[in-house]
All heavy atoms as atom14 arrays in JSON, in Angstrom:
{
  "sequence": "KAALSHFLESLRLDLAGEGIDVSLIHPGFVKTPLTDRNDFPMP",
  "atom14_mask": [
    [1, 1, 1, 1, 1, 1, 1, 1, 1, 0, 0, 0, 0, 0],
    [1, 1, 1, 1, 1, 0, 0, 0, 0, 0, 0, 0, 0, 0],
    [1, 1, 1, 1, 1, 0, 0, 0, 0, 0, 0, 0, 0, 0],
    [1, 1, 1, 1, 1, 1, 1, 1, 0, 0, 0, 0, 0, 0],
    [1, 1, 1, 1, 1, 1, 0, 0, 0, 0, 0, 0, 0, 0],
    [1, 1, 1, 1, 1, 1, 1, 1, 1, 1, 0, 0, 0, 0],
    [1, 1, 1, 1, 1, 1, 1, 1, 1, 1, 1, 0, 0, 0],
    [1, 1, 1, 1, 1, 1, 1, 1, 0, 0, 0, 0, 0, 0],
    [1, 1, 1, 1, 1, 1, 1, 1, 1, 0, 0, 0, 0, 0],
    [1, 1, 1, 1, 1, 1, 0, 0, 0, 0, 0, 0, 0, 0],
    [1, 1, 1, 1, 1, 1, 1, 1, 0, 0, 0, 0, 0, 0],
    [1, 1, 1, 1, 1, 1, 1, 1, 1, 1, 1, 0, 0, 0],
    [1, 1, 1, 1, 1, 1, 1, 1, 0, 0, 0, 0, 0, 0],
    [1, 1, 1, 1, 1, 1, 1, 1, 0, 0, 0, 0, 0, 0],
    [1, 1, 1, 1, 1, 1, 1, 1, 0, 0, 0, 0, 0, 0],
    [1, 1, 1, 1, 1, 0, 0, 0, 0, 0, 0, 0, 0, 0],
    [1, 1, 1, 1, 0, 0, 0, 0, 0, 0, 0, 0, 0, 0],
    [1, 1, 1, 1, 1, 1, 1, 1, 1, 0, 0, 0, 0, 0],
    [1, 1, 1, 1, 0, 0, 0, 0, 0, 0, 0, 0, 0, 0],
    [1, 1, 1, 1, 1, 1, 1, 1, 0, 0, 0, 0, 0, 0],
    [1, 1, 1, 1, 1, 1, 1, 1, 0, 0, 0, 0, 0, 0],
    [1, 1, 1, 1, 1, 1, 1, 0, 0, 0, 0, 0, 0, 0],
    [1, 1, 1, 1, 1, 1, 0, 0, 0, 0, 0, 0, 0, 0],
    [1, 1, 1, 1, 1, 1, 1, 1, 0, 0, 0, 0, 0, 0],
    [1, 1, 1, 1, 1, 1, 1, 1, 0, 0, 0, 0, 0, 0],
    [1, 1, 1, 1, 1, 1, 1, 1, 1, 1, 0, 0, 0, 0],
    [1, 1, 1, 1, 1, 1, 1, 0, 0, 0, 0, 0, 0, 0],
    [1, 1, 1, 1, 0, 0, 0, 0, 0, 0, 0, 0, 0, 0],
    [1, 1, 1, 1, 1, 1, 1, 1, 1, 1, 1, 0, 0, 0],
    [1, 1, 1, 1, 1, 1, 1, 0, 0, 0, 0, 0, 0, 0],
    [1, 1, 1, 1, 1, 1, 1, 1, 1, 0, 0, 0, 0, 0],
    [1, 1, 1, 1, 1, 1, 1, 0, 0, 0, 0, 0, 0, 0],
    [1, 1, 1, 1, 1, 1, 1, 0, 0, 0, 0, 0, 0, 0],
    [1, 1, 1, 1, 1, 1, 1, 1, 0, 0, 0, 0, 0, 0],
    [1, 1, 1, 1, 1, 1, 1, 0, 0, 0, 0, 0, 0, 0],
    [1, 1, 1, 1, 1, 1, 1, 1, 0, 0, 0, 0, 0, 0],
    [1, 1, 1, 1, 1, 1, 1, 1, 1, 1, 1, 0, 0, 0],
    [1, 1, 1, 1, 1, 1, 1, 1, 0, 0, 0, 0, 0, 0],
    [1, 1, 1, 1, 1, 1, 1, 1, 0, 0, 0, 0, 0, 0],
    [1, 1, 1, 1, 1, 1, 1, 1, 1, 1, 1, 0, 0, 0],
    [1, 1, 1, 1, 1, 1, 1, 0, 0, 0, 0, 0, 0, 0],
    [1, 1, 1, 1, 1, 1, 1, 1, 0, 0, 0, 0, 0, 0],
    [1, 1, 1, 1, 1, 1, 1, 0, 0, 0, 0, 0, 0, 0]
  ],
  "atom14_positions": [
    [[107.79, 88.41, 93.08], [107.02, 89.55, 93.72], [107.61, 90.88, 93.23], [106.91, 91.89, 92.82], [107.34, 89.6, 95.34], [106.61, 88.4, 95.9], [105.16, 88.38, 95.68], [104.41, 87.5, 96.58], [102.9, 87.47, 96.55], [0.0, 0.0, 0.0], [0.0, 0.0, 0.0], [0.0, 0.0, 0.0], [0.0, 0.0, 0.0], [0.0, 0.0, 0.0]],
    [[108.89, 91.01, 92.79], [109.48, 92.16, 92.22], [108.93, 92.35, 90.84], [108.49, 93.49, 90.5], [110.98, 92.16, 92.14], [0.0, 0.0, 0.0], [0.0, 0.0, 0.0], [0.0, 0.0, 0.0], [0.0, 0.0, 0.0], [0.0, 0.0, 0.0], [0.0, 0.0, 0.0], [0.0, 0.0, 0.0], [0.0, 0.0, 0.0], [0.0, 0.0, 0.0]],
    [[108.75, 91.23, 90.06], [108.09, 91.3, 88.73], [106.59, 91.86, 88.91], [106.14, 92.65, 88.14], [108.14, 90.02, 88.14], [0.0, 0.0, 0.0], [0.0, 0.0, 0.0], [0.0, 0.0, 0.0], [0.0, 0.0, 0.0], [0.0, 0.0, 0.0], [0.0, 0.0, 0.0], [0.0, 0.0, 0.0], [0.0, 0.0, 0.0], [0.0, 0.0, 0.0]],
    [[105.89, 91.35, 89.85], [104.54, 91.66, 90.2], [104.45, 93.29, 90.39], [103.56, 94.0, 89.94], [103.88, 90.94, 91.29], [102.43, 91.21, 91.56], [101.51, 91.03, 90.55], [102.14, 90.46, 92.89], [0.0, 0.0, 0.0], [0.0, 0.0, 0.0], [0.0, 0.0, 0.0], [0.0, 0.0, 0.0], [0.0, 0.0, 0.0], [0.0, 0.0, 0.0]],
    [[105.33, 93.71, 91.4], [105.47, 95.11, 91.77], [105.68, 96.05, 90.44], [104.96, 96.95, 90.33], [106.43, 95.34, 92.83], [105.97, 94.63, 94.02], [0.0, 0.0, 0.0], [0.0, 0.0, 0.0], [0.0, 0.0, 0.0], [0.0, 0.0, 0.0], [0.0, 0.0, 0.0], [0.0, 0.0, 0.0], [0.0, 0.0, 0.0], [0.0, 0.0, 0.0]],
    [[106.52, 95.5, 89.68], [106.92, 96.45, 88.58], [105.89, 96.42, 87.55], [105.43, 97.47, 87.12], [108.27, 95.75, 87.8], [108.7, 96.57, 86.73], [109.79, 97.48, 86.92], [108.19, 96.88, 85.45], [109.97, 98.05, 85.69], [109.1, 97.74, 84.87], [0.0, 0.0, 0.0], [0.0, 0.0, 0.0], [0.0, 0.0, 0.0], [0.0, 0.0, 0.0]],
    [[105.21, 95.16, 87.3], [103.99, 95.23, 86.37], [102.87, 96.16, 86.87], [102.33, 96.93, 86.17], [103.5, 93.7, 86.3], [102.43, 93.61, 85.23], [102.77, 93.14, 83.97], [101.09, 93.9, 85.43], [101.93, 92.99, 83.04], [100.14, 93.72, 84.45], [100.54, 93.23, 83.18], [0.0, 0.0, 0.0], [0.0, 0.0, 0.0], [0.0, 0.0, 0.0]],
    [[102.66, 96.02, 88.23], [101.56, 96.81, 88.68], [101.78, 98.35, 88.7], [100.95, 99.28, 88.46], [101.18, 96.44, 90.12], [100.03, 95.32, 90.28], [98.68, 96.0, 89.81], [100.28, 94.15, 89.43], [0.0, 0.0, 0.0], [0.0, 0.0, 0.0], [0.0, 0.0, 0.0], [0.0, 0.0, 0.0], [0.0, 0.0, 0.0], [0.0, 0.0, 0.0]],
    [[103.11, 98.63, 88.87], [103.44, 100.12, 88.87], [103.55, 100.72, 87.56], [102.94, 101.85, 87.33], [104.96, 100.37, 89.52], [104.92, 100.09, 90.95], [106.26, 100.62, 91.53], [106.91, 101.31, 90.87], [106.45, 100.37, 92.74], [0.0, 0.0, 0.0], [0.0, 0.0, 0.0], [0.0, 0.0, 0.0], [0.0, 0.0, 0.0], [0.0, 0.0, 0.0]],
    [[103.66, 99.92, 86.61], [103.46, 100.21, 85.26], [102.06, 100.39, 84.74], [101.49, 101.39, 84.2], [104.25, 99.21, 84.2], [105.66, 99.32, 84.36], [0.0, 0.0, 0.0], [0.0, 0.0, 0.0], [0.0, 0.0, 0.0], [0.0, 0.0, 0.0], [0.0, 0.0, 0.0], [0.0, 0.0, 0.0], [0.0, 0.0, 0.0], [0.0, 0.0, 0.0]],
    [[101.29, 99.41, 85.22], [99.83, 99.46, 84.87], [99.2, 100.5, 85.49], [98.25, 101.19, 84.95], [99.24, 98.13, 85.51], [97.77, 97.82, 85.23], [97.58, 97.66, 83.6], [97.24, 96.57, 85.84], [0.0, 0.0, 0.0], [0.0, 0.0, 0.0], [0.0, 0.0, 0.0], [0.0, 0.0, 0.0], [0.0, 0.0, 0.0], [0.0, 0.0, 0.0]],
    [[99.64, 100.98, 86.73], [99.11, 102.14, 87.42], [99.2, 103.44, 86.53], [98.19, 104.17, 86.53], [99.84, 102.34, 88.75], [99.37, 103.65, 89.45], [100.47, 103.88, 90.6], [100.28, 102.77, 91.7], [101.26, 102.53, 92.45], [102.56, 103.07, 92.27], [101.13, 101.59, 93.32], [0.0, 0.0, 0.0], [0.0, 0.0, 0.0], [0.0, 0.0, 0.0]],
    [[100.23, 103.43, 85.84], [100.52, 104.69, 84.86], [99.49, 104.66, 83.74], [98.96, 105.63, 83.35], [101.83, 104.74, 84.36], [102.93, 104.62, 85.5], [104.33, 104.61, 84.77], [102.89, 106.0, 86.31], [0.0, 0.0, 0.0], [0.0, 0.0, 0.0], [0.0, 0.0, 0.0], [0.0, 0.0, 0.0], [0.0, 0.0, 0.0], [0.0, 0.0, 0.0]],
    [[99.25, 103.39, 83.14], [98.35, 103.32, 82.0], [96.98, 103.37, 82.4], [96.08, 103.77, 81.56], [98.77, 102.03, 81.38], [100.04, 101.97, 80.55], [100.35, 103.02, 80.04], [100.74, 100.95, 80.6], [0.0, 0.0, 0.0], [0.0, 0.0, 0.0], [0.0, 0.0, 0.0], [0.0, 0.0, 0.0], [0.0, 0.0, 0.0], [0.0, 0.0, 0.0]],
    [[96.52, 103.16, 83.58], [95.21, 103.1, 83.98], [94.78, 104.48, 84.68], [93.65, 104.72, 84.85], [94.99, 101.88, 85.04], [94.87, 100.52, 84.54], [94.64, 99.62, 85.66], [93.76, 100.47, 83.5], [0.0, 0.0, 0.0], [0.0, 0.0, 0.0], [0.0, 0.0, 0.0], [0.0, 0.0, 0.0], [0.0, 0.0, 0.0], [0.0, 0.0, 0.0]],
    [[95.73, 105.27, 84.95], [95.47, 106.62, 85.7], [94.42, 107.37, 84.82], [93.55, 107.98, 85.54], [96.77, 107.36, 85.94], [0.0, 0.0, 0.0], [0.0, 0.0, 0.0], [0.0, 0.0, 0.0], [0.0, 0.0, 0.0], [0.0, 0.0, 0.0], [0.0, 0.0, 0.0], [0.0, 0.0, 0.0], [0.0, 0.0, 0.0], [0.0, 0.0, 0.0]],
    [[94.58, 107.48, 83.48], [93.81, 108.25, 82.78], [92.38, 107.64, 82.68], [91.44, 108.44, 82.21], [0.0, 0.0, 0.0], [0.0, 0.0, 0.0], [0.0, 0.0, 0.0], [0.0, 0.0, 0.0], [0.0, 0.0, 0.0], [0.0, 0.0, 0.0], [0.0, 0.0, 0.0], [0.0, 0.0, 0.0], [0.0, 0.0, 0.0], [0.0, 0.0, 0.0]],
    [[92.22, 106.52, 83.01], [90.85, 105.8, 83.04], [90.07, 106.08, 84.51], [88.95, 105.58, 84.61], [90.88, 104.46, 82.8], [91.37, 103.96, 81.39], [91.1, 102.51, 81.1], [90.02, 101.93, 81.4], [92.2, 101.93, 80.47], [0.0, 0.0, 0.0], [0.0, 0.0, 0.0], [0.0, 0.0, 0.0], [0.0, 0.0, 0.0], [0.0, 0.0, 0.0]],
    [[90.82, 106.52, 85.41], [90.19, 106.69, 86.72], [90.19, 105.43, 87.56], [89.32, 105.34, 88.56], [0.0, 0.0, 0.0], [0.0, 0.0, 0.0], [0.0, 0.0, 0.0], [0.0, 0.0, 0.0], [0.0, 0.0, 0.0], [0.0, 0.0, 0.0], [0.0, 0.0, 0.0], [0.0, 0.0, 0.0], [0.0, 0.0, 0.0], [0.0, 0.0, 0.0]],
    [[91.13, 104.42, 87.26], [91.14, 103.24, 87.97], [92.5, 103.28, 88.7], [93.45, 103.44, 88.19], [91.13, 102.02, 87.23], [89.83, 101.86, 86.28], [91.38, 100.65, 87.83], [89.73, 100.75, 85.35], [0.0, 0.0, 0.0], [0.0, 0.0, 0.0], [0.0, 0.0, 0.0], [0.0, 0.0, 0.0], [0.0, 0.0, 0.0], [0.0, 0.0, 0.0]],
    [[92.43, 103.19, 90.07], [93.62, 103.31, 91.01], [94.17, 101.93, 91.06], [93.53, 100.77, 91.06], [93.14, 103.84, 92.16], [92.9, 105.28, 92.27], [93.19, 106.06, 91.27], [92.11, 105.82, 93.05], [0.0, 0.0, 0.0], [0.0, 0.0, 0.0], [0.0, 0.0, 0.0], [0.0, 0.0, 0.0], [0.0, 0.0, 0.0], [0.0, 0.0, 0.0]],
    [[95.49, 101.87, 91.42], [96.19, 100.67, 91.64], [97.08, 100.84, 92.91], [97.77, 101.68, 93.23], [97.08, 100.33, 90.51], [98.04, 99.15, 90.82], [96.44, 100.2, 89.2], [0.0, 0.0, 0.0], [0.0, 0.0, 0.0], [0.0, 0.0, 0.0], [0.0, 0.0, 0.0], [0.0, 0.0, 0.0], [0.0, 0.0, 0.0], [0.0, 0.0, 0.0]],
    [[96.9, 99.84, 93.77], [97.75, 99.72, 95.09], [98.51, 98.5, 95.08], [97.98, 97.46, 94.79], [96.72, 99.79, 96.28], [96.1, 101.02, 96.43], [0.0, 0.0, 0.0], [0.0, 0.0, 0.0], [0.0, 0.0, 0.0], [0.0, 0.0, 0.0], [0.0, 0.0, 0.0], [0.0, 0.0, 0.0], [0.0, 0.0, 0.0], [0.0, 0.0, 0.0]],
    [[99.67, 98.71, 95.66], [100.58, 97.49, 95.94], [100.78, 97.33, 97.31], [100.89, 98.21, 98.18], [101.9, 97.75, 95.26], [102.02, 97.15, 93.76], [103.21, 97.86, 93.13], [102.14, 95.64, 93.78], [0.0, 0.0, 0.0], [0.0, 0.0, 0.0], [0.0, 0.0, 0.0], [0.0, 0.0, 0.0], [0.0, 0.0, 0.0], [0.0, 0.0, 0.0]],
    [[100.65, 96.01, 97.83], [100.73, 95.68, 99.21], [102.07, 95.01, 99.39], [102.3, 93.87, 98.73], [99.61, 94.86, 99.61], [98.17, 95.39, 99.29], [99.79, 94.36, 101.02], [96.97, 94.63, 99.44], [0.0, 0.0, 0.0], [0.0, 0.0, 0.0], [0.0, 0.0, 0.0], [0.0, 0.0, 0.0], [0.0, 0.0, 0.0], [0.0, 0.0, 0.0]],
    [[102.92, 95.55, 100.26], [104.27, 94.93, 100.4], [104.37, 94.44, 101.88], [105.02, 95.4, 102.73], [105.26, 96.06, 100.08], [105.5, 96.28, 98.59], [104.96, 97.33, 98.05], [105.99, 95.51, 97.64], [105.25, 97.27, 96.79], [105.71, 96.1, 96.46], [0.0, 0.0, 0.0], [0.0, 0.0, 0.0], [0.0, 0.0, 0.0], [0.0, 0.0, 0.0]],
    [[103.88, 93.49, 102.29], [104.08, 93.07, 103.78], [105.6, 92.58, 103.97], [106.14, 92.05, 103.21], [103.26, 91.89, 103.87], [102.4, 91.81, 102.66], [103.22, 92.58, 101.58], [0.0, 0.0, 0.0], [0.0, 0.0, 0.0], [0.0, 0.0, 0.0], [0.0, 0.0, 0.0], [0.0, 0.0, 0.0], [0.0, 0.0, 0.0], [0.0, 0.0, 0.0]],
    [[105.92, 92.88, 105.24], [107.05, 92.19, 105.89], [106.62, 90.78, 106.29], [105.72, 90.19, 105.72], [0.0, 0.0, 0.0], [0.0, 0.0, 0.0], [0.0, 0.0, 0.0], [0.0, 0.0, 0.0], [0.0, 0.0, 0.0], [0.0, 0.0, 0.0], [0.0, 0.0, 0.0], [0.0, 0.0, 0.0], [0.0, 0.0, 0.0], [0.0, 0.0, 0.0]],
    [[107.33, 90.29, 107.27], [106.93, 89.0, 107.76], [105.48, 89.08, 108.52], [105.43, 89.98, 109.56], [108.13, 88.47, 108.72], [109.36, 88.17, 108.04], [110.54, 88.88, 108.25], [109.35, 87.18, 107.02], [111.74, 88.65, 107.66], [110.63, 86.9, 106.44], [111.61, 87.61, 106.59], [0.0, 0.0, 0.0], [0.0, 0.0, 0.0], [0.0, 0.0, 0.0]],
    [[104.76, 88.15, 108.07], [103.42, 87.97, 108.76], [103.29, 86.61, 109.35], [103.68, 85.73, 108.35], [102.31, 88.39, 107.79], [100.85, 88.31, 108.54], [102.44, 89.9, 107.3], [0.0, 0.0, 0.0], [0.0, 0.0, 0.0], [0.0, 0.0, 0.0], [0.0, 0.0, 0.0], [0.0, 0.0, 0.0], [0.0, 0.0, 0.0], [0.0, 0.0, 0.0]],
    [[102.78, 86.34, 110.4], [102.6, 84.89, 110.92], [101.51, 84.29, 110.24], [100.38, 84.46, 110.41], [102.35, 84.97, 112.38], [102.24, 83.56, 112.91], [102.23, 83.55, 114.5], [102.02, 81.95, 114.95], [102.74, 81.06, 114.36], [0.0, 0.0, 0.0], [0.0, 0.0, 0.0], [0.0, 0.0, 0.0], [0.0, 0.0, 0.0], [0.0, 0.0, 0.0]],
    [[101.75, 83.43, 109.28], [100.86, 82.68, 108.37], [101.34, 81.23, 108.32], [102.56, 80.91, 108.65], [100.71, 83.26, 107.04], [101.97, 83.08, 106.25], [100.4, 84.78, 107.04], [0.0, 0.0, 0.0], [0.0, 0.0, 0.0], [0.0, 0.0, 0.0], [0.0, 0.0, 0.0], [0.0, 0.0, 0.0], [0.0, 0.0, 0.0], [0.0, 0.0, 0.0]],
    [[100.45, 80.26, 107.78], [100.93, 79.01, 107.55], [102.17, 79.03, 106.7], [103.11, 78.15, 106.75], [99.79, 78.33, 106.9], [98.57, 79.0, 107.39], [98.98, 80.4, 107.54], [0.0, 0.0, 0.0], [0.0, 0.0, 0.0], [0.0, 0.0, 0.0], [0.0, 0.0, 0.0], [0.0, 0.0, 0.0], [0.0, 0.0, 0.0], [0.0, 0.0, 0.0]],
    [[102.34, 79.85, 105.73], [103.64, 79.91, 104.87], [104.86, 80.28, 105.64], [105.88, 79.57, 105.57], [103.36, 80.8, 103.75], [102.65, 80.44, 102.42], [102.57, 81.47, 101.42], [103.41, 79.22, 101.91], [0.0, 0.0, 0.0], [0.0, 0.0, 0.0], [0.0, 0.0, 0.0], [0.0, 0.0, 0.0], [0.0, 0.0, 0.0], [0.0, 0.0, 0.0]],
    [[104.71, 81.32, 106.45], [105.94, 81.69, 107.08], [106.23, 80.78, 108.28], [107.39, 80.75, 108.76], [105.73, 83.2, 107.59], [104.65, 83.33, 108.59], [105.59, 84.13, 106.53], [0.0, 0.0, 0.0], [0.0, 0.0, 0.0], [0.0, 0.0, 0.0], [0.0, 0.0, 0.0], [0.0, 0.0, 0.0], [0.0, 0.0, 0.0], [0.0, 0.0, 0.0]],
    [[105.18, 80.07, 108.86], [105.49, 79.1, 109.88], [106.51, 77.95, 109.3], [107.19, 77.33, 110.19], [104.21, 78.44, 110.33], [103.38, 79.33, 111.2], [103.9, 80.33, 111.68], [102.27, 78.98, 111.49], [0.0, 0.0, 0.0], [0.0, 0.0, 0.0], [0.0, 0.0, 0.0], [0.0, 0.0, 0.0], [0.0, 0.0, 0.0], [0.0, 0.0, 0.0]],
    [[106.6, 77.75, 108.05], [107.59, 76.84, 107.56], [109.02, 77.36, 107.44], [109.88, 76.57, 107.11], [107.09, 76.48, 106.14], [105.7, 75.9, 106.09], [105.45, 74.98, 104.8], [105.96, 75.67, 103.61], [105.17, 76.02, 102.56], [103.8, 75.75, 102.65], [105.62, 76.63, 101.43], [0.0, 0.0, 0.0], [0.0, 0.0, 0.0], [0.0, 0.0, 0.0]],
    [[109.17, 78.63, 107.55], [110.53, 79.25, 107.4], [111.44, 78.71, 108.43], [111.09, 78.55, 109.62], [110.43, 80.77, 107.46], [109.66, 81.49, 106.13], [109.45, 80.73, 105.25], [109.45, 82.59, 106.35], [0.0, 0.0, 0.0], [0.0, 0.0, 0.0], [0.0, 0.0, 0.0], [0.0, 0.0, 0.0], [0.0, 0.0, 0.0], [0.0, 0.0, 0.0]],
    [[112.68, 78.54, 108.04], [113.77, 78.01, 109.02], [114.73, 79.07, 109.29], [116.02, 78.76, 109.38], [114.41, 76.82, 108.46], [114.99, 77.12, 106.98], [114.94, 78.18, 106.52], [115.65, 76.08, 106.48], [0.0, 0.0, 0.0], [0.0, 0.0, 0.0], [0.0, 0.0, 0.0], [0.0, 0.0, 0.0], [0.0, 0.0, 0.0], [0.0, 0.0, 0.0]],
    [[114.37, 80.34, 109.37], [115.36, 81.5, 109.59], [114.64, 82.5, 110.33], [113.44, 82.55, 110.47], [115.94, 82.1, 108.3], [114.73, 82.45, 107.3], [114.13, 83.73, 107.47], [114.42, 81.58, 106.33], [113.08, 84.0, 106.53], [113.43, 81.98, 105.36], [112.65, 83.23, 105.54], [0.0, 0.0, 0.0], [0.0, 0.0, 0.0], [0.0, 0.0, 0.0]],
    [[115.35, 83.43, 111.12], [114.75, 84.47, 111.85], [113.9, 85.39, 111.06], [114.24, 85.67, 109.94], [115.99, 85.22, 112.51], [117.04, 84.24, 112.48], [116.91, 83.41, 111.09], [0.0, 0.0, 0.0], [0.0, 0.0, 0.0], [0.0, 0.0, 0.0], [0.0, 0.0, 0.0], [0.0, 0.0, 0.0], [0.0, 0.0, 0.0], [0.0, 0.0, 0.0]],
    [[112.84, 85.79, 111.66], [111.86, 86.74, 110.85], [111.61, 87.91, 111.72], [110.66, 87.96, 112.6], [110.54, 86.02, 110.61], [110.69, 84.87, 109.56], [109.12, 83.85, 109.41], [109.42, 82.71, 110.68], [0.0, 0.0, 0.0], [0.0, 0.0, 0.0], [0.0, 0.0, 0.0], [0.0, 0.0, 0.0], [0.0, 0.0, 0.0], [0.0, 0.0, 0.0]],
    [[112.39, 88.91, 111.67], [112.36, 90.13, 112.42], [111.04, 90.76, 112.22], [110.65, 90.99, 111.09], [113.64, 91.03, 112.11], [113.95, 90.55, 110.71], [113.58, 89.04, 110.73], [0.0, 0.0, 0.0], [0.0, 0.0, 0.0], [0.0, 0.0, 0.0], [0.0, 0.0, 0.0], [0.0, 0.0, 0.0], [0.0, 0.0, 0.0], [0.0, 0.0, 0.0]]
  ]
}
């Protein structure tokens, strides 16, 4: 996920001149089938 964020932030700079915006979504813990498998507290 850190690699994805870095890639998209760099891409945002290169696409700005073309008028294409880039948004990154950084959720905390969300109740999903994936997080239901977690075995630790999810504040």
